[in-house]
Amino acid sequence: MTETAPLRALALVCSLKASPAPSSSDLIARQLLEELGTHGVTGAVVRVVDHDVKPGVELDMGEGDAWPAIREQLMAADILIVSTPTWVGHMSSVAQRVLERLDAELSETDDSGRPLVTGKVAVTAVVGNEDGAHKITADLMQALDDIGFTIPAQGGTYWNDEAMGSRDYNDLDETPEAVASTNATLAENAAHLARLLKASPYPGS
């Protein structure tokens, strides 16, 4: 496995706004995909609210459920980005639903007993005009780790407006230097880790 081995990323944007409405969560996810692109990673964005993802904790919740098609893209990816806005200090309800649907992966194992998502890298992005990014990042990372994903060093990026502010991330004239730097580090570490895991998978249980 070489350092230029191709990788693929999937960004699940958990905005409450359907396309084509502007979305800060969508913007930062696309910025991460752009940074990953500098490391030979191709990718796609799915705005989850555009699809009829049914509530539940099964792989397929029946007729009309859009999750199986999204999951197919996830299983073809090496890196998962979960991007969410902050609402009343918490991740969006869409992000929570994504975690609930991912819970089904705990029962999907390979011949060695590893979850099928083992070996995939997960990173997070949180935006909001209120506080809460650190807690949301912690909640997302804990859940993704439990499910079987691997979190790289500095695998979370975020932006919050000043306390009681009203700006959104996509209202900014330019990306703040600290966020841009964090995005670049996240992408570099995620691509590096994904290549390592692809070359040397976790041992079976």
N, C-alpha and C. Protein backbone atom coordinates (compact mmCIF):
# COMPACT_ATOMS: atom_id res chain seq x y z
N MET A 1 0.86 -1.20 0.00
CA MET A 1 0.00 0.00 0.00
C MET A 1 0.89 1.24 0.00
N THR A 2 0.71 2.11 -0.96
CA THR A 2 1.53 3.30 -1.06
C THR A 2 0.81 4.49 -0.47
N GLU A 3 1.59 5.56 -0.24
CA GLU A 3 1.00 6.77 0.32
C GLU A 3 0.00 7.42 -0.65
N THR A 4 0.06 7.02 -1.91
CA THR A 4 -0.85 7.61 -2.89
C THR A 4 -2.03 6.69 -3.20
N ALA A 5 -2.18 5.61 -2.42
CA ALA A 5 -3.30 4.71 -2.64
C ALA A 5 -4.61 5.49 -2.56
N PRO A 6 -5.52 5.29 -3.53
CA PRO A 6 -6.75 6.09 -3.54
C PRO A 6 -7.66 5.76 -2.36
N LEU A 7 -8.29 6.78 -1.85
CA LEU A 7 -9.25 6.62 -0.76
C LEU A 7 -10.51 7.37 -1.13
N ARG A 8 -11.61 7.00 -0.47
CA ARG A 8 -12.89 7.67 -0.71
C ARG A 8 -13.49 8.09 0.63
N ALA A 9 -14.13 9.26 0.61
CA ALA A 9 -14.79 9.79 1.81
C ALA A 9 -16.26 10.03 1.51
N LEU A 10 -17.07 9.91 2.55
CA LEU A 10 -18.49 10.25 2.48
C LEU A 10 -18.80 11.24 3.58
N ALA A 11 -19.37 12.37 3.22
CA ALA A 11 -19.79 13.36 4.20
C ALA A 11 -21.30 13.29 4.39
N LEU A 12 -21.72 12.96 5.58
CA LEU A 12 -23.13 12.98 5.94
C LEU A 12 -23.42 14.32 6.61
N VAL A 13 -24.10 15.18 5.89
CA VAL A 13 -24.42 16.52 6.38
C VAL A 13 -25.77 16.44 7.10
N CYS A 14 -25.76 16.81 8.37
CA CYS A 14 -26.95 16.63 9.21
C CYS A 14 -27.67 17.94 9.48
N SER A 15 -27.66 18.81 8.50
CA SER A 15 -28.41 20.06 8.58
C SER A 15 -29.90 19.76 8.68
N LEU A 16 -30.64 20.70 9.27
CA LEU A 16 -32.10 20.61 9.26
C LEU A 16 -32.68 21.23 8.00
N LYS A 17 -31.83 21.85 7.20
CA LYS A 17 -32.27 22.56 5.99
C LYS A 17 -32.12 21.66 4.77
N ALA A 18 -33.20 21.47 4.04
CA ALA A 18 -33.15 20.68 2.82
C ALA A 18 -32.44 21.47 1.72
N SER A 19 -31.86 20.77 0.77
CA SER A 19 -31.26 21.41 -0.40
C SER A 19 -32.35 22.11 -1.20
N PRO A 20 -32.02 23.23 -1.83
CA PRO A 20 -30.70 23.84 -1.97
C PRO A 20 -30.44 24.97 -0.97
N ALA A 21 -31.13 24.99 0.14
CA ALA A 21 -30.93 26.07 1.12
C ALA A 21 -29.47 26.09 1.58
N PRO A 22 -28.89 27.28 1.73
CA PRO A 22 -27.52 27.37 2.24
C PRO A 22 -27.42 26.70 3.61
N SER A 23 -26.31 26.00 3.84
CA SER A 23 -26.12 25.27 5.08
C SER A 23 -24.68 25.39 5.53
N SER A 24 -24.48 25.84 6.76
CA SER A 24 -23.13 25.92 7.31
C SER A 24 -22.52 24.53 7.47
N SER A 25 -23.34 23.57 7.85
CA SER A 25 -22.85 22.20 8.00
C SER A 25 -22.38 21.64 6.66
N ASP A 26 -23.10 21.98 5.61
CA ASP A 26 -22.72 21.55 4.27
C ASP A 26 -21.41 22.23 3.85
N LEU A 27 -21.29 23.52 4.15
CA LEU A 27 -20.10 24.26 3.78
C LEU A 27 -18.85 23.67 4.41
N ILE A 28 -18.87 23.43 5.72
CA ILE A 28 -17.66 22.93 6.38
C ILE A 28 -17.35 21.50 5.93
N ALA A 29 -18.38 20.71 5.64
CA ALA A 29 -18.15 19.35 5.13
C ALA A 29 -17.44 19.40 3.78
N ARG A 30 -17.88 20.30 2.94
CA ARG A 30 -17.25 20.43 1.61
C ARG A 30 -15.82 20.97 1.73
N GLN A 31 -15.59 21.83 2.71
CA GLN A 31 -14.22 22.29 2.95
C GLN A 31 -13.32 21.14 3.36
N LEU A 32 -13.84 20.24 4.18
CA LEU A 32 -13.06 19.07 4.58
C LEU A 32 -12.79 18.16 3.39
N LEU A 33 -13.79 17.98 2.54
CA LEU A 33 -13.57 17.15 1.34
C LEU A 33 -12.52 17.79 0.43
N GLU A 34 -12.53 19.10 0.36
CA GLU A 34 -11.52 19.79 -0.45
C GLU A 34 -10.13 19.55 0.12
N GLU A 35 -10.00 19.64 1.44
CA GLU A 35 -8.71 19.37 2.07
C GLU A 35 -8.30 17.91 1.87
N LEU A 36 -9.24 17.00 2.01
CA LEU A 36 -8.93 15.59 1.79
C LEU A 36 -8.48 15.35 0.35
N GLY A 37 -9.04 16.13 -0.57
CA GLY A 37 -8.65 15.99 -1.96
C GLY A 37 -7.17 16.25 -2.19
N THR A 38 -6.56 17.08 -1.36
CA THR A 38 -5.12 17.34 -1.50
C THR A 38 -4.29 16.13 -1.08
N HIS A 39 -4.94 15.15 -0.47
CA HIS A 39 -4.26 13.92 -0.05
C HIS A 39 -4.75 12.71 -0.86
N GLY A 40 -5.29 12.99 -2.03
CA GLY A 40 -5.70 11.91 -2.92
C GLY A 40 -7.00 11.24 -2.55
N VAL A 41 -7.84 11.92 -1.79
CA VAL A 41 -9.12 11.35 -1.36
C VAL A 41 -10.24 11.98 -2.19
N THR A 42 -11.06 11.15 -2.82
CA THR A 42 -12.26 11.64 -3.50
C THR A 42 -13.43 11.49 -2.54
N GLY A 43 -14.52 12.19 -2.84
CA GLY A 43 -15.63 12.10 -1.90
C GLY A 43 -16.94 12.59 -2.44
N ALA A 44 -17.96 12.40 -1.61
CA ALA A 44 -19.32 12.81 -1.95
C ALA A 44 -20.00 13.33 -0.70
N VAL A 45 -21.02 14.16 -0.93
CA VAL A 45 -21.81 14.74 0.16
C VAL A 45 -23.23 14.23 0.06
N VAL A 46 -23.77 13.78 1.19
CA VAL A 46 -25.19 13.44 1.28
C VAL A 46 -25.80 14.34 2.35
N ARG A 47 -26.75 15.18 1.96
CA ARG A 47 -27.49 15.96 2.95
C ARG A 47 -28.65 15.07 3.39
N VAL A 48 -28.53 14.54 4.58
CA VAL A 48 -29.41 13.46 5.03
C VAL A 48 -30.88 13.86 4.99
N VAL A 49 -31.19 15.10 5.33
CA VAL A 49 -32.58 15.53 5.40
C VAL A 49 -33.26 15.52 4.02
N ASP A 50 -32.48 15.45 2.97
CA ASP A 50 -33.05 15.36 1.62
C ASP A 50 -33.62 13.97 1.33
N HIS A 51 -33.35 13.03 2.21
CA HIS A 51 -33.73 11.64 2.00
C HIS A 51 -34.64 11.15 3.13
N ASP A 52 -35.49 10.22 2.83
CA ASP A 52 -36.45 9.71 3.82
C ASP A 52 -35.80 8.61 4.64
N VAL A 53 -34.95 9.04 5.58
CA VAL A 53 -34.29 8.09 6.48
C VAL A 53 -35.24 7.82 7.64
N LYS A 54 -35.75 6.61 7.70
CA LYS A 54 -36.74 6.26 8.71
C LYS A 54 -36.10 6.15 10.10
N PRO A 55 -36.87 6.41 11.16
CA PRO A 55 -36.36 6.18 12.51
C PRO A 55 -36.21 4.69 12.77
N GLY A 56 -35.24 4.34 13.59
CA GLY A 56 -35.04 2.94 13.92
C GLY A 56 -33.58 2.60 14.09
N VAL A 57 -33.30 1.37 14.43
CA VAL A 57 -31.93 0.91 14.65
C VAL A 57 -31.63 -0.34 13.84
N GLU A 58 -32.33 -0.51 12.73
CA GLU A 58 -32.08 -1.64 11.84
C GLU A 58 -31.42 -1.15 10.56
N LEU A 59 -30.78 -2.08 9.83
CA LEU A 59 -30.16 -1.71 8.56
C LEU A 59 -31.19 -1.19 7.57
N ASP A 60 -32.36 -1.77 7.59
CA ASP A 60 -33.41 -1.41 6.64
C ASP A 60 -34.73 -1.38 7.40
N MET A 61 -35.36 -0.19 7.42
CA MET A 61 -36.61 -0.04 8.17
C MET A 61 -37.83 -0.19 7.27
N GLY A 62 -37.62 -0.81 6.11
CA GLY A 62 -38.77 -1.16 5.29
C GLY A 62 -39.03 -0.23 4.13
N GLU A 63 -40.19 -0.35 3.56
CA GLU A 63 -40.55 0.35 2.34
C GLU A 63 -40.32 1.86 2.45
N GLY A 64 -39.62 2.39 1.46
CA GLY A 64 -39.38 3.82 1.41
C GLY A 64 -38.18 4.31 2.20
N ASP A 65 -37.54 3.43 2.95
CA ASP A 65 -36.40 3.84 3.77
C ASP A 65 -35.20 4.13 2.87
N ALA A 66 -34.65 5.32 3.01
CA ALA A 66 -33.52 5.73 2.18
C ALA A 66 -32.17 5.34 2.77
N TRP A 67 -32.17 4.87 4.01
CA TRP A 67 -30.88 4.57 4.65
C TRP A 67 -30.08 3.49 3.93
N PRO A 68 -30.67 2.40 3.46
CA PRO A 68 -29.85 1.37 2.80
C PRO A 68 -29.01 1.92 1.65
N ALA A 69 -29.54 2.84 0.87
CA ALA A 69 -28.77 3.41 -0.24
C ALA A 69 -27.63 4.29 0.28
N ILE A 70 -27.89 5.03 1.37
CA ILE A 70 -26.83 5.84 1.98
C ILE A 70 -25.77 4.93 2.57
N ARG A 71 -26.20 3.85 3.21
CA ARG A 71 -25.26 2.91 3.80
C ARG A 71 -24.36 2.28 2.73
N GLU A 72 -24.91 2.05 1.57
CA GLU A 72 -24.11 1.48 0.47
C GLU A 72 -22.94 2.41 0.14
N GLN A 73 -23.21 3.71 0.14
CA GLN A 73 -22.13 4.67 -0.10
C GLN A 73 -21.13 4.66 1.06
N LEU A 74 -21.64 4.55 2.27
CA LEU A 74 -20.78 4.50 3.44
C LEU A 74 -19.84 3.29 3.38
N MET A 75 -20.39 2.14 3.02
CA MET A 75 -19.57 0.93 3.00
C MET A 75 -18.50 0.98 1.92
N ALA A 76 -18.70 1.81 0.91
CA ALA A 76 -17.71 1.97 -0.16
C ALA A 76 -16.66 3.02 0.20
N ALA A 77 -16.85 3.72 1.32
CA ALA A 77 -15.94 4.79 1.72
C ALA A 77 -14.94 4.30 2.75
N ASP A 78 -13.81 5.00 2.80
CA ASP A 78 -12.78 4.73 3.81
C ASP A 78 -12.86 5.71 4.97
N ILE A 79 -13.43 6.89 4.69
CA ILE A 79 -13.51 7.96 5.69
C ILE A 79 -14.94 8.48 5.74
N LEU A 80 -15.48 8.57 6.94
CA LEU A 80 -16.81 9.14 7.15
C LEU A 80 -16.67 10.49 7.83
N ILE A 81 -17.34 11.49 7.27
CA ILE A 81 -17.45 12.80 7.90
C ILE A 81 -18.88 12.96 8.37
N VAL A 82 -19.06 13.26 9.64
CA VAL A 82 -20.39 13.60 10.16
C VAL A 82 -20.37 15.08 10.53
N SER A 83 -21.18 15.85 9.83
CA SER A 83 -21.22 17.29 10.03
C SER A 83 -22.60 17.70 10.53
N THR A 84 -22.62 18.44 11.63
CA THR A 84 -23.91 18.79 12.24
C THR A 84 -23.93 20.24 12.72
N PRO A 85 -25.08 20.87 12.66
CA PRO A 85 -25.25 22.16 13.34
C PRO A 85 -25.47 21.94 14.83
N THR A 86 -25.45 23.04 15.55
CA THR A 86 -25.75 23.02 16.99
C THR A 86 -27.14 23.60 17.20
N TRP A 87 -27.99 22.86 17.88
CA TRP A 87 -29.33 23.34 18.22
C TRP A 87 -29.57 23.11 19.70
N VAL A 88 -29.91 24.18 20.40
CA VAL A 88 -30.10 24.18 21.86
C VAL A 88 -28.99 23.39 22.55
N GLY A 89 -27.75 23.62 22.10
CA GLY A 89 -26.59 23.02 22.73
C GLY A 89 -26.31 21.58 22.36
N HIS A 90 -27.06 21.03 21.43
CA HIS A 90 -26.91 19.62 21.07
C HIS A 90 -26.76 19.45 19.57
N MET A 91 -26.33 18.25 19.14
CA MET A 91 -26.31 17.94 17.73
C MET A 91 -27.74 17.95 17.19
N SER A 92 -27.89 18.07 15.90
CA SER A 92 -29.23 18.09 15.32
C SER A 92 -29.92 16.74 15.49
N SER A 93 -31.24 16.76 15.38
CA SER A 93 -32.00 15.50 15.43
C SER A 93 -31.63 14.60 14.26
N VAL A 94 -31.21 15.19 13.15
CA VAL A 94 -30.79 14.40 11.99
C VAL A 94 -29.51 13.64 12.32
N ALA A 95 -28.56 14.30 12.98
CA ALA A 95 -27.33 13.63 13.38
C ALA A 95 -27.62 12.51 14.36
N GLN A 96 -28.52 12.73 15.29
CA GLN A 96 -28.89 11.68 16.24
C GLN A 96 -29.49 10.49 15.51
N ARG A 97 -30.30 10.76 14.50
CA ARG A 97 -30.89 9.66 13.73
C ARG A 97 -29.82 8.88 12.99
N VAL A 98 -28.83 9.58 12.45
CA VAL A 98 -27.72 8.89 11.77
C VAL A 98 -27.02 7.95 12.74
N LEU A 99 -26.76 8.41 13.95
CA LEU A 99 -26.11 7.54 14.94
C LEU A 99 -26.99 6.34 15.27
N GLU A 100 -28.29 6.56 15.38
CA GLU A 100 -29.21 5.46 15.68
C GLU A 100 -29.21 4.43 14.56
N ARG A 101 -29.17 4.88 13.32
CA ARG A 101 -29.13 3.95 12.21
C ARG A 101 -27.79 3.23 12.13
N LEU A 102 -26.71 3.93 12.48
CA LEU A 102 -25.39 3.30 12.50
C LEU A 102 -25.27 2.25 13.59
N ASP A 103 -26.11 2.33 14.59
CA ASP A 103 -26.08 1.34 15.68
C ASP A 103 -26.25 -0.08 15.15
N ALA A 104 -26.94 -0.23 14.04
CA ALA A 104 -27.14 -1.56 13.45
C ALA A 104 -25.82 -2.20 13.04
N GLU A 105 -24.78 -1.39 12.83
CA GLU A 105 -23.50 -1.93 12.38
C GLU A 105 -22.83 -2.80 13.45
N LEU A 106 -23.24 -2.64 14.69
CA LEU A 106 -22.66 -3.47 15.75
C LEU A 106 -22.94 -4.95 15.52
N SER A 107 -24.03 -5.24 14.82
CA SER A 107 -24.40 -6.64 14.57
C SER A 107 -23.91 -7.15 13.22
N GLU A 108 -23.30 -6.27 12.44
CA GLU A 108 -22.82 -6.65 11.11
C GLU A 108 -21.32 -6.88 11.17
N THR A 109 -20.91 -8.13 11.23
CA THR A 109 -19.51 -8.47 11.41
C THR A 109 -18.98 -9.33 10.27
N ASP A 110 -17.66 -9.30 10.13
CA ASP A 110 -17.02 -10.14 9.11
C ASP A 110 -16.69 -11.50 9.69
N ASP A 111 -15.98 -12.32 8.94
CA ASP A 111 -15.68 -13.69 9.36
C ASP A 111 -14.76 -13.74 10.58
N SER A 112 -14.10 -12.62 10.86
CA SER A 112 -13.21 -12.55 12.02
C SER A 112 -13.90 -11.94 13.24
N GLY A 113 -15.17 -11.62 13.10
CA GLY A 113 -15.91 -11.06 14.22
C GLY A 113 -15.81 -9.56 14.37
N ARG A 114 -15.20 -8.90 13.39
CA ARG A 114 -15.07 -7.45 13.45
C ARG A 114 -16.28 -6.78 12.81
N PRO A 115 -16.77 -5.68 13.39
CA PRO A 115 -17.82 -4.92 12.69
C PRO A 115 -17.34 -4.55 11.29
N LEU A 116 -18.25 -4.53 10.34
CA LEU A 116 -17.87 -4.24 8.96
C LEU A 116 -17.28 -2.85 8.79
N VAL A 117 -17.60 -1.94 9.72
CA VAL A 117 -17.04 -0.59 9.61
C VAL A 117 -15.66 -0.48 10.25
N THR A 118 -15.20 -1.56 10.89
CA THR A 118 -13.86 -1.55 11.48
C THR A 118 -12.85 -1.29 10.36
N GLY A 119 -11.95 -0.40 10.61
CA GLY A 119 -10.98 -0.03 9.58
C GLY A 119 -11.34 1.24 8.86
N LYS A 120 -12.58 1.70 9.04
CA LYS A 120 -12.97 2.99 8.48
C LYS A 120 -12.69 4.10 9.49
N VAL A 121 -12.30 5.23 8.99
CA VAL A 121 -11.99 6.38 9.83
C VAL A 121 -13.20 7.31 9.87
N ALA A 122 -13.47 7.89 11.02
CA ALA A 122 -14.56 8.85 11.17
C ALA A 122 -14.05 10.15 11.76
N VAL A 123 -14.54 11.26 11.21
CA VAL A 123 -14.19 12.59 11.71
C VAL A 123 -15.48 13.39 11.85
N THR A 124 -15.40 14.49 12.59
CA THR A 124 -16.61 15.26 12.88
C THR A 124 -16.40 16.73 12.60
N ALA A 125 -17.51 17.39 12.30
CA ALA A 125 -17.52 18.84 12.11
C ALA A 125 -18.79 19.39 12.75
N VAL A 126 -18.65 20.45 13.53
CA VAL A 126 -19.77 21.04 14.25
C VAL A 126 -19.75 22.55 14.04
N VAL A 127 -20.89 23.11 13.69
CA VAL A 127 -20.99 24.56 13.53
C VAL A 127 -22.22 25.06 14.27
N GLY A 128 -22.19 26.33 14.64
CA GLY A 128 -23.36 26.87 15.32
C GLY A 128 -23.15 28.29 15.79
N ASN A 129 -24.26 29.02 15.95
CA ASN A 129 -24.15 30.37 16.50
C ASN A 129 -24.49 30.35 17.99
N GLU A 130 -24.16 29.23 18.62
CA GLU A 130 -24.29 29.08 20.07
C GLU A 130 -23.25 28.07 20.53
N ASP A 131 -23.02 28.01 21.82
CA ASP A 131 -22.03 27.11 22.38
C ASP A 131 -22.52 25.66 22.30
N GLY A 132 -21.60 24.73 22.44
CA GLY A 132 -21.98 23.33 22.46
C GLY A 132 -21.09 22.42 21.63
N ALA A 133 -20.14 23.00 20.86
CA ALA A 133 -19.35 22.21 19.92
C ALA A 133 -18.52 21.13 20.60
N HIS A 134 -17.91 21.43 21.73
CA HIS A 134 -17.07 20.43 22.38
C HIS A 134 -17.89 19.24 22.87
N LYS A 135 -19.02 19.49 23.46
CA LYS A 135 -19.86 18.39 23.93
C LYS A 135 -20.38 17.57 22.76
N ILE A 136 -20.82 18.25 21.70
CA ILE A 136 -21.34 17.52 20.54
C ILE A 136 -20.24 16.66 19.93
N THR A 137 -19.03 17.23 19.81
CA THR A 137 -17.90 16.47 19.28
C THR A 137 -17.64 15.23 20.13
N ALA A 138 -17.66 15.41 21.44
CA ALA A 138 -17.43 14.28 22.34
C ALA A 138 -18.50 13.20 22.17
N ASP A 139 -19.76 13.63 22.08
CA ASP A 139 -20.86 12.67 21.93
C ASP A 139 -20.74 11.92 20.59
N LEU A 140 -20.44 12.65 19.52
CA LEU A 140 -20.29 12.01 18.22
C LEU A 140 -19.14 11.03 18.21
N MET A 141 -18.00 11.45 18.73
CA MET A 141 -16.82 10.59 18.70
C MET A 141 -17.01 9.34 19.53
N GLN A 142 -17.63 9.49 20.69
CA GLN A 142 -17.87 8.31 21.53
C GLN A 142 -18.76 7.32 20.81
N ALA A 143 -19.83 7.81 20.19
CA ALA A 143 -20.75 6.93 19.49
C ALA A 143 -20.08 6.26 18.29
N LEU A 144 -19.35 7.02 17.51
CA LEU A 144 -18.69 6.47 16.32
C LEU A 144 -17.63 5.45 16.71
N ASP A 145 -16.91 5.73 17.80
CA ASP A 145 -15.93 4.76 18.29
C ASP A 145 -16.61 3.48 18.76
N ASP A 146 -17.71 3.61 19.48
CA ASP A 146 -18.45 2.43 19.95
C ASP A 146 -18.89 1.56 18.78
N ILE A 147 -19.30 2.21 17.70
CA ILE A 147 -19.82 1.49 16.54
C ILE A 147 -18.71 0.76 15.79
N GLY A 148 -17.47 1.23 15.93
CA GLY A 148 -16.36 0.53 15.31
C GLY A 148 -15.45 1.38 14.45
N PHE A 149 -15.79 2.65 14.28
CA PHE A 149 -14.94 3.54 13.51
C PHE A 149 -13.69 3.91 14.31
N THR A 150 -12.65 4.34 13.63
CA THR A 150 -11.44 4.81 14.27
C THR A 150 -11.34 6.32 14.11
N ILE A 151 -11.04 7.01 15.21
CA ILE A 151 -10.96 8.46 15.22
C ILE A 151 -9.49 8.87 15.16
N PRO A 152 -9.09 9.68 14.20
CA PRO A 152 -7.69 10.11 14.15
C PRO A 152 -7.39 11.19 15.18
N ALA A 153 -6.12 11.45 15.40
CA ALA A 153 -5.71 12.58 16.24
C ALA A 153 -6.29 13.86 15.66
N GLN A 154 -6.82 14.70 16.52
CA GLN A 154 -7.41 15.98 16.11
C GLN A 154 -8.44 15.76 15.00
N GLY A 155 -9.31 14.78 15.24
CA GLY A 155 -10.29 14.39 14.23
C GLY A 155 -11.60 15.14 14.28
N GLY A 156 -11.65 16.25 14.99
CA GLY A 156 -12.86 17.05 15.04
C GLY A 156 -12.55 18.52 14.74
N THR A 157 -13.41 19.14 13.96
CA THR A 157 -13.28 20.57 13.70
C THR A 157 -14.60 21.25 14.03
N TYR A 158 -14.53 22.54 14.35
CA TYR A 158 -15.77 23.23 14.72
C TYR A 158 -15.62 24.73 14.58
N TRP A 159 -16.75 25.39 14.54
CA TRP A 159 -16.81 26.84 14.63
C TRP A 159 -18.07 27.21 15.39
N ASN A 160 -17.90 28.11 16.38
CA ASN A 160 -19.03 28.69 17.10
C ASN A 160 -18.94 30.20 17.02
N ASP A 161 -20.08 30.84 16.90
CA ASP A 161 -20.12 32.30 16.98
C ASP A 161 -19.85 32.71 18.42
N GLU A 162 -19.60 33.98 18.61
CA GLU A 162 -19.42 34.47 19.97
C GLU A 162 -20.70 34.22 20.77
N ALA A 163 -20.57 34.21 22.09
CA ALA A 163 -21.70 33.91 22.96
C ALA A 163 -22.90 34.79 22.63
N MET A 164 -24.04 34.16 22.47
CA MET A 164 -25.30 34.82 22.16
C MET A 164 -25.24 35.60 20.84
N GLY A 165 -24.40 35.13 19.92
CA GLY A 165 -24.29 35.77 18.62
C GLY A 165 -25.38 35.28 17.68
N SER A 166 -25.33 35.78 16.46
CA SER A 166 -26.38 35.41 15.50
C SER A 166 -25.83 35.05 14.13
N ARG A 167 -24.50 35.10 13.95
CA ARG A 167 -23.93 34.76 12.66
C ARG A 167 -23.88 33.24 12.47
N ASP A 168 -23.97 32.82 11.22
CA ASP A 168 -23.74 31.43 10.87
C ASP A 168 -22.38 31.31 10.20
N TYR A 169 -21.87 30.11 10.16
CA TYR A 169 -20.56 29.87 9.55
C TYR A 169 -20.55 30.32 8.09
N ASN A 170 -21.65 30.06 7.39
CA ASN A 170 -21.66 30.44 5.97
C ASN A 170 -21.92 31.94 5.76
N ASP A 171 -22.04 32.70 6.86
CA ASP A 171 -22.13 34.15 6.75
C ASP A 171 -20.75 34.82 6.74
N LEU A 172 -19.71 34.06 7.11
CA LEU A 172 -18.38 34.63 7.22
C LEU A 172 -17.81 34.96 5.85
N ASP A 173 -17.06 36.05 5.77
CA ASP A 173 -16.43 36.44 4.52
C ASP A 173 -15.29 35.50 4.15
N GLU A 174 -14.64 34.94 5.16
CA GLU A 174 -13.56 33.97 4.93
C GLU A 174 -13.48 33.02 6.11
N THR A 175 -12.89 31.89 5.87
CA THR A 175 -12.75 30.90 6.94
C THR A 175 -11.71 31.38 7.94
N PRO A 176 -12.04 31.41 9.22
CA PRO A 176 -11.05 31.82 10.22
C PRO A 176 -9.79 30.94 10.14
N GLU A 177 -8.65 31.55 10.37
CA GLU A 177 -7.38 30.84 10.23
C GLU A 177 -7.33 29.59 11.10
N ALA A 178 -7.83 29.70 12.33
CA ALA A 178 -7.78 28.54 13.23
C ALA A 178 -8.62 27.39 12.70
N VAL A 179 -9.78 27.68 12.12
CA VAL A 179 -10.63 26.63 11.56
C VAL A 179 -9.98 26.03 10.33
N ALA A 180 -9.44 26.88 9.46
CA ALA A 180 -8.78 26.38 8.25
C ALA A 180 -7.61 25.47 8.60
N SER A 181 -6.83 25.87 9.60
CA SER A 181 -5.69 25.07 10.03
C SER A 181 -6.15 23.73 10.61
N THR A 182 -7.22 23.77 11.42
CA THR A 182 -7.76 22.54 11.99
C THR A 182 -8.30 21.62 10.91
N ASN A 183 -9.00 22.21 9.93
CA ASN A 183 -9.53 21.41 8.82
C ASN A 183 -8.39 20.69 8.09
N ALA A 184 -7.30 21.42 7.85
CA ALA A 184 -6.16 20.84 7.12
C ALA A 184 -5.52 19.71 7.92
N THR A 185 -5.36 19.91 9.21
CA THR A 185 -4.77 18.86 10.06
C THR A 185 -5.67 17.64 10.12
N LEU A 186 -6.97 17.88 10.30
CA LEU A 186 -7.93 16.78 10.33
C LEU A 186 -7.83 15.95 9.05
N ALA A 187 -7.82 16.62 7.91
CA ALA A 187 -7.78 15.90 6.63
C ALA A 187 -6.49 15.11 6.48
N GLU A 188 -5.38 15.71 6.83
CA GLU A 188 -4.10 15.02 6.71
C GLU A 188 -4.05 13.79 7.60
N ASN A 189 -4.48 13.94 8.85
CA ASN A 189 -4.45 12.82 9.79
C ASN A 189 -5.44 11.73 9.40
N ALA A 190 -6.62 12.13 8.92
CA ALA A 190 -7.62 11.13 8.52
C ALA A 190 -7.14 10.32 7.33
N ALA A 191 -6.59 10.98 6.32
CA ALA A 191 -6.10 10.27 5.15
C ALA A 191 -4.95 9.34 5.52
N HIS A 192 -4.04 9.83 6.36
CA HIS A 192 -2.90 9.01 6.80
C HIS A 192 -3.38 7.76 7.53
N LEU A 193 -4.29 7.95 8.48
CA LEU A 193 -4.79 6.83 9.27
C LEU A 193 -5.57 5.84 8.41
N ALA A 194 -6.38 6.35 7.49
CA ALA A 194 -7.16 5.46 6.63
C ALA A 194 -6.25 4.59 5.78
N ARG A 195 -5.15 5.16 5.29
CA ARG A 195 -4.21 4.36 4.50
C ARG A 195 -3.53 3.30 5.35
N LEU A 196 -3.15 3.66 6.57
CA LEU A 196 -2.55 2.70 7.46
C LEU A 196 -3.48 1.52 7.74
N LEU A 197 -4.74 1.84 8.04
CA LEU A 197 -5.70 0.78 8.35
C LEU A 197 -6.02 -0.08 7.14
N LYS A 198 -5.99 0.52 5.97
CA LYS A 198 -6.24 -0.25 4.74
C LYS A 198 -5.09 -1.22 4.49
N ALA A 199 -3.88 -0.77 4.79
CA ALA A 199 -2.71 -1.60 4.57
C ALA A 199 -2.54 -2.67 5.65
N SER A 200 -2.95 -2.33 6.88
CA SER A 200 -2.77 -3.25 8.00
C SER A 200 -4.02 -3.25 8.86
N PRO A 201 -5.02 -4.07 8.49
CA PRO A 201 -6.30 -4.08 9.21
C PRO A 201 -6.15 -4.53 10.66
N TYR A 202 -7.15 -4.19 11.46
CA TYR A 202 -7.21 -4.70 12.83
C TYR A 202 -7.28 -6.21 12.82
N PRO A 203 -6.71 -6.87 13.84
CA PRO A 203 -6.83 -8.33 13.90
C PRO A 203 -8.25 -8.74 14.25
N GLY A 204 -8.63 -9.93 13.83
CA GLY A 204 -9.94 -10.46 14.18
C GLY A 204 -10.01 -10.83 15.65
N SER A 205 -11.23 -10.87 16.17
CA SER A 205 -11.38 -11.21 17.60
C SER A 205 -11.40 -12.72 17.79
